Structure formats: structure tokens, C-alpha cells
Amino acid sequence: MDTCVKVSGLSYSYGKKKALDNLSFELGQGKCLGILGPNGAGKTTLIRSLMGVFPPSPGVIQTLGYDAATSREKICELSGYLPEGSSVYLNMTLYKYLEFFAELRGVEHVDKAVTSVIELMDLTEEKDTKLKKFSKGMLQKAKIAATIVHAPKILILDEPTDGLDIAATNTLVKYMNGFVSAGMTVLICSHLPDVINRVCTDILFINKGKQIFFGKKEEFLSKGQGDVSSAYQNILDNEG
């Protein structure tokens, strides 16, 4: 299986504060990685490093075969990234919103791409509706649609189900599983154990910038009582 993300000896500091400390892992294409850790563990810094925003110091990151330190533009071109709490243009219709992102990404056949992603996300009936009329769950679907309108090879989602009800969460889980089944590599930061369990194939656990677990989800679950919550707590307690 082709490698999608390869991290070797990655560290990063904000001044004197070390946010990431010697991380090394490798993720195959078509996998779904759950990135776990307490608040302030370094999860968002890691994501931004993978996207080439923060160059490793020291270390090496290869995302989709490109060096993140020197090929940020190419990595962004091939990636979809949904940061936590991202905003939308509420006065735009769904179609115009997605059209904007398709053009921004340099998509060749904009109408075809926008129509396709609207259908994929089951939003056809809402394509001419302004986003300000969308529910929170529908807005999250629209945001994800905007991140995949250019058919990225890798999708990075930071707390994609934050604040959603059970039905909306179930809907997004269905789409995320669909992306992975179609061969897309997905990275998810989530505080919801159920989401991690239902979507992820692999787990990366970091705490205080250090990597304390990386491996298959089944191996991670074996660290507890067969569920994400107990494995998480046991690993964290053993670190202390």
C-alpha cells in the first residue's frame, strides 16, 4: 500500500515551548487516522505541520510524497482541510459557496464538480438555498463539501462533529466512511470516542507533544476494555 503521510523525528516549538517532540509514524493511503490527545497536546500543531504551515524543526514530513517544508502549495492543492470552528459565507447559496471554492482551487470543470459534490452530500434540494437558512448539521455538510470539491487525495478534519446532534453526527460518520471506502485518506481530530471507533482504522495518541501510541485501532482498543474511552484513559494514566 502506498504511503500517504510519513513523519520522521518531527519536533516543533513556539519560542521556548515545545509543542511537538520527536514524532514518527507512517500512514498508508486509504486509511483513516484518529488523532487523540488532551487539550493542548499538539494535535492542531501536527495538522498544520502536515499541511506545510509549520516547517519541522527538526524532522521530516512527507505528505502525499511531497516534502511539507518545501512543497506547501502542492500539498494544499491535493488536500482538503476543515479547521475547527471554520466560518461560512452565510449570504451565499450553497451552489455559489461551492463554486467559489472550486474556482479558488483551480477546478477545471467547475459546474460538474460542484453538482457532483452536492449530489454526493445529498444536498441537491438545497443547492439554491442561502447558507444562513441551513441547520448546524447541514452547514457542516456544506463545509465538508467545500473541502472535497476539488477531489483531494487526503482530507483533514478537526472536530468535524463538534456541537452536532446524534442524527447529524451519524450522517457525517456515514460520509466519512464513504470517503475512506472510496480510497481517500482521512485524518480526524475528535473528542468523541464513538466517532473515532466508527470511522478510524488507525490511532495516533499524543500528549504534551509526545507520541505515546501509534498503531491499528484494534491494538489501541486492546489497551482498555475494548472501547476507545477506556483505552484512552489507561494509556494516559500509564503515562502519568
Foldseek 3Di string as FASTA:
>chain_A
DAWAKFKAQFWDADVPATQAGGDTDIDRFLFEEEEDEDPSLNVVVVVCCQLLNGPGDDIWMAGRNHTSVPPNVVSLLQEFEDAPPDDFDQQAFLLVRLLVLCVVSVPDPSVVLSVVLCVLLVNVVRRRPGNVPDDPLVVLSSSVSSRCSSPHQEYEYEASCPPHDPVSLVSVLVSLQVCSVVRHYYYYYHPDQVSCVSRGQWYWYGGSNYTQDTDGPQVLLVCAVNTNVRSVVSSVVVVD
